[in-house]
Protein backbone atom coordinates (compact mmCIF):
# COMPACT_ATOMS: atom_id res chain seq x y z
CA MET A 1 233.38 108.84 66.61
CA GLU A 2 229.86 107.20 67.32
CA THR A 3 230.26 107.91 71.13
CA LEU A 4 231.15 111.64 70.34
CA VAL A 5 228.19 111.99 68.03
CA LEU A 6 225.79 110.24 70.92
CA HIS A 7 226.81 113.16 73.33
CA ILE A 8 226.27 116.16 70.76
CA PRO A 9 222.70 117.59 71.40
CA THR A 10 221.73 117.63 67.67
CA LEU A 11 218.21 118.69 68.34
CA PRO A 12 218.60 122.12 69.44
CA ILE A 13 221.51 122.77 67.34
CA PHE A 14 219.31 121.89 64.25
CA PHE A 15 216.27 123.83 65.66
CA LEU A 16 218.66 127.08 65.99
CA MET A 17 219.87 126.27 62.48
CA PHE A 18 216.59 126.33 60.92
CA LEU A 19 215.57 129.30 62.90
CA PHE A 20 218.41 131.00 61.31
CA ILE A 21 217.47 130.01 57.73
CA TYR A 22 213.88 131.14 58.32
CA LEU A 23 215.23 134.57 59.84
CA PHE A 24 217.69 134.79 57.08
CA ALA A 25 214.90 134.27 54.36
CA TYR A 26 212.55 136.66 56.06
CA CYS A 27 215.11 139.48 56.66
CA ILE A 28 217.04 139.45 53.60
CA ILE A 29 216.05 137.20 50.76
CA PHE A 30 212.18 138.14 50.85
CA ARG A 31 212.40 141.54 52.80
CA ASN A 32 210.94 143.16 49.76
CA TRP A 33 207.63 141.02 49.59
CA VAL A 34 204.38 141.79 51.39
CA PRO A 35 204.17 140.49 55.01
CA LYS A 36 201.98 137.32 54.19
CA ASN A 37 203.94 136.57 51.16
CA ARG A 38 207.30 137.19 52.92
CA ALA A 39 206.42 134.86 55.99
CA GLU A 40 205.01 131.97 53.44
CA GLY A 41 207.96 132.42 51.23
CA SER A 42 210.40 132.06 54.36
CA SER A 43 208.49 128.76 55.38
CA CYS A 44 209.27 127.58 51.75
CA PHE A 45 212.75 128.46 52.04
CA MET A 46 213.02 126.69 55.05
CA SER A 47 211.29 123.58 53.81
CA LEU A 48 213.71 123.61 50.73
CA ALA A 49 216.50 123.35 53.51
CA HIS A 50 215.01 120.53 55.11
CA GLY A 51 213.51 118.49 52.40
CA THR A 52 216.15 117.22 49.83
CA PRO A 53 218.91 117.10 52.39
CA ALA A 54 216.33 114.94 54.67
CA VAL A 55 216.10 112.57 51.90
CA PHE A 56 220.00 112.32 51.36
CA LEU A 57 220.53 111.88 54.99
CA ALA A 58 217.79 109.30 55.32
CA THR A 59 218.91 107.25 52.44
CA HIS A 60 222.49 107.24 53.84
CA ALA A 61 221.38 106.32 57.26
CA LEU A 62 219.22 103.25 55.86
CA LEU A 63 221.59 102.12 53.33
CA HIS A 64 224.56 102.28 55.77
CA SER A 65 222.90 100.75 58.70
CA GLN A 66 224.69 97.83 60.50
CA THR A 67 221.40 96.51 61.82
CA PRO A 68 218.79 94.48 59.95
CA ARG A 69 216.36 96.52 58.33
CA SER A 70 213.44 95.60 60.20
CA PHE A 71 210.27 97.70 61.03
CA SER A 72 210.93 97.41 64.74
CA HIS A 73 214.76 97.14 65.06
CA ALA A 74 216.78 99.46 67.25
CA ASN A 75 217.50 102.94 66.04
CA THR A 76 221.19 103.49 64.99
CA THR A 77 222.91 106.83 65.60
CA SER A 78 222.66 108.13 62.15
CA GLN A 79 219.00 107.28 62.16
CA ASN A 80 218.59 109.29 65.44
CA ILE A 81 220.55 112.19 64.06
CA VAL A 82 218.07 112.24 60.89
CA LEU A 83 215.02 112.04 63.36
CA ASP A 84 216.30 115.05 65.27
CA TYR A 85 217.12 116.99 62.03
CA SER A 86 213.32 116.37 60.86
CA ILE A 87 211.88 117.01 64.32
CA ALA A 88 213.81 120.49 64.63
CA TYR A 89 212.56 121.48 61.09
CA PHE A 90 208.79 120.43 62.19
CA LEU A 91 209.27 122.58 65.33
CA ALA A 92 210.57 125.67 63.65
CA ASP A 93 207.93 125.62 60.89
CA LEU A 94 205.17 125.13 63.64
CA LEU A 95 206.67 128.38 65.34
CA HIS A 96 206.21 129.93 61.95
CA TYR A 97 202.37 128.76 61.94
CA LEU A 98 201.67 129.91 65.17
CA VAL A 99 203.06 133.30 64.79
CA PHE A 100 201.86 134.10 61.35
CA LEU A 101 199.16 131.55 60.70
CA PRO A 102 197.36 130.71 63.91
CA ASN A 103 194.08 129.66 61.92
CA GLU A 104 195.81 127.03 59.70
CA VAL A 105 194.75 124.30 62.13
CA LEU A 106 195.39 121.46 59.74
CA PHE A 107 198.99 122.33 59.34
CA ILE A 108 199.38 123.03 63.02
CA ALA A 109 197.77 119.53 63.77
CA HIS A 110 200.01 117.92 60.89
CA HIS A 111 203.13 119.47 62.41
CA LEU A 112 202.05 118.45 66.16
CA ALA A 113 201.51 114.77 65.03
CA THR A 114 204.44 114.36 62.92
CA VAL A 115 206.69 115.47 65.81
CA PHE A 116 204.70 113.04 68.15
CA VAL A 117 205.57 110.18 65.89
CA PHE A 118 209.31 111.30 65.41
CA ALA A 119 209.93 112.27 68.85
CA THR A 120 208.40 108.99 70.49
CA CYS A 121 210.75 106.89 68.07
CA ARG A 122 213.51 109.05 68.86
CA TYR A 123 213.09 109.57 72.76
CA VAL A 124 210.47 107.03 74.14
CA VAL A 125 211.24 103.58 72.31
CA TYR A 126 214.24 104.09 70.62
CA HIS A 127 212.83 101.41 67.97
CA GLY A 128 211.20 101.68 64.66
CA ALA A 129 213.16 104.36 62.84
CA PHE A 130 213.58 102.14 59.54
CA PRO A 131 209.72 102.51 58.36
CA ILE A 132 209.50 106.08 59.62
CA LEU A 133 212.70 107.27 57.57
CA VAL A 134 211.40 105.51 54.49
CA LEU A 135 208.32 107.48 54.72
CA LEU A 136 210.33 110.58 55.32
CA VAL A 137 212.06 109.93 51.94
CA ILE A 138 208.80 109.36 50.17
CA ALA A 139 207.31 112.54 51.71
CA GLU A 140 210.35 114.87 51.08
CA ILE A 141 211.43 113.52 47.72
CA THR A 142 208.98 116.03 46.14
CA SER A 143 209.94 118.80 48.39
CA ALA A 144 212.08 120.80 45.99
CA CYS A 145 209.32 120.66 43.19
CA GLN A 146 206.67 121.48 45.56
CA ASN A 147 208.26 124.42 47.36
CA THR A 148 209.40 125.80 43.90
CA TRP A 149 205.73 125.45 42.76
CA ILE A 150 204.61 127.32 45.97
CA LEU A 151 206.95 129.87 45.56
CA SER A 152 205.99 130.71 41.92
CA LYS A 153 202.42 130.60 42.94
CA ILE A 154 202.87 133.18 45.54
CA GLN A 155 204.66 135.62 43.04
CA MET A 156 202.71 134.71 39.87
CA ALA A 157 200.47 137.74 40.37
CA ASP A 158 203.37 140.10 40.18
CA VAL A 159 205.95 138.39 38.19
CA PRO A 160 205.12 136.99 34.59
CA MET A 161 207.99 134.46 34.69
CA ALA A 162 206.77 133.13 38.02
CA ALA A 163 203.41 132.60 36.48
CA LYS A 164 205.11 130.88 33.39
CA LEU A 165 207.18 128.58 36.03
CA TYR A 166 203.98 127.66 38.01
CA GLU A 167 201.93 126.59 35.03
CA PHE A 168 205.06 124.57 33.80
CA LEU A 169 205.42 122.84 36.98
CA ARG A 170 201.73 122.11 37.95
CA PRO A 171 201.43 118.81 36.09
CA ILE A 172 204.91 117.67 36.60
CA PHE A 173 204.72 118.34 40.46
CA PHE A 174 201.00 116.78 40.46
CA THR A 175 202.32 113.59 38.76
CA PHE A 176 205.50 113.30 40.86
CA TYR A 177 203.66 113.78 44.04
CA SER A 178 200.56 111.29 42.98
CA ILE A 179 203.41 108.45 42.22
CA ALA A 180 205.34 109.34 45.73
CA ARG A 181 202.36 109.72 48.00
CA GLY A 182 199.61 107.98 46.28
CA VAL A 183 201.26 104.95 44.98
CA CYS A 184 204.64 104.33 46.97
CA GLY A 185 203.44 105.91 50.15
CA SER A 186 200.19 103.88 50.19
CA ALA A 187 201.89 100.75 49.40
CA PHE A 188 204.57 101.15 52.17
CA VAL A 189 201.87 102.29 54.69
CA TYR A 190 199.97 98.96 54.06
CA LYS A 191 203.16 96.85 54.30
CA MET A 192 203.90 98.90 57.62
CA GLY A 193 200.42 98.30 59.02
CA VAL A 194 200.62 94.52 58.10
CA TYR A 195 203.71 94.19 60.15
CA TYR A 196 202.68 95.86 63.20
CA VAL A 197 199.33 94.12 63.36
CA SER A 198 201.05 90.85 63.15
CA GLY A 199 202.35 91.60 66.64
CA ALA A 200 205.88 91.30 65.58
CA ALA A 201 206.94 94.89 67.09
CA ASP A 202 204.86 94.52 70.50
CA ASN A 203 208.09 93.57 72.34
CA VAL A 204 209.74 96.79 71.88
CA ILE A 205 206.91 99.19 70.68
CA PRO A 206 203.99 99.16 72.89
CA ARG A 207 200.64 98.51 71.05
CA TRP A 208 199.06 101.70 71.84
CA LEU A 209 202.20 103.60 70.27
CA TRP A 210 202.22 102.03 66.92
CA LEU A 211 198.25 102.30 66.90
CA SER A 212 198.96 106.10 66.97
CA TRP A 213 201.60 106.11 64.63
CA MET A 214 199.50 104.32 62.08
CA LEU A 215 196.32 106.49 62.79
CA VAL A 216 198.79 109.65 62.12
CA ILE A 217 200.54 108.03 59.13
CA VAL A 218 197.15 106.84 57.53
CA THR A 219 195.36 109.99 57.92
CA ALA A 220 198.49 111.98 56.74
CA THR A 221 198.47 109.72 53.70
CA LEU A 222 194.63 110.16 52.89
CA VAL A 223 194.77 113.89 53.17
CA SER A 224 197.74 114.09 50.75
CA ILE A 225 195.71 111.98 48.26
CA LEU A 226 192.81 114.02 48.77
CA TRP A 227 194.59 117.14 48.49
CA ILE A 228 196.38 116.06 45.16
CA LEU A 229 193.10 114.90 43.69
CA ASP A 230 191.60 118.10 44.36
CA LEU A 231 194.52 120.12 42.49
CA TRP A 232 194.23 117.70 39.85
CA MET A 233 190.32 118.47 39.36
CA ASP A 234 191.19 122.11 39.44
CA LEU A 235 193.95 121.54 36.57
CA TYR A 236 191.26 119.80 34.57
CA ARG A 237 188.44 122.10 35.03
CA GLU A 238 190.71 125.03 34.10
CA ARG A 239 191.94 122.97 30.99
CA THR A 240 188.48 121.93 29.80
CA ASN A 241 187.26 125.67 30.29
CA LYS A 242 189.86 127.14 28.25
CA ALA A 243 189.43 124.50 25.39
CA PRO A 244 186.12 126.17 24.06
CA GLU A 245 187.75 129.38 24.22
CA LYS A 246 190.49 128.41 21.92
CA LEU A 247 188.00 127.02 19.34
CA ARG A 248 186.11 130.13 19.00
């Protein structure tokens, strides 16, 4: 069975699957939305199809690995499949940004950098999937909450229920995201950096490559922290501005 899986071209299959999910959302689920919201909603729907399944797939691949859980050990077949799954998603979402939102340079750069890390781990060095999949779990564990929050934000001006859901989810999502990315993500990135700097992976992952990985990962972590801090500040300002109004 292991040999059979190796010969199945999972990357193009997953890519076509995500394209189908996006088009299904765009042409059917969100067909009555205005064009901009329609494209953004379809991207969120595709992200929902990737995020939570990726958490379960990656967790299964990590827990059922027959190899030691080392930051530089050879990838297993199941770990490679999860990498293909996520590469396919980011390529499909990258296509969405290039077509509908070409000015969103930050998101385009994020997707390109993420594909670089995943693809070099999967197809260049064939090692190092363990820490990358752990970070994938940390990053995507908030996906369902985040995308539901974004979808409600898109429709809040037109749908009262969406506005209520948006306000309800804000502190929940912000807290969840802060713990996942700010605490757990930062701690694991530090541990990953210490391991690579020690030179323990240099015999299987070239120094230039793991340095590139760390640059991408540290930058993404810092941007995530700054983003969620900005959202917390917006929420705080809104709540403090509303407080005097209630006293009147």
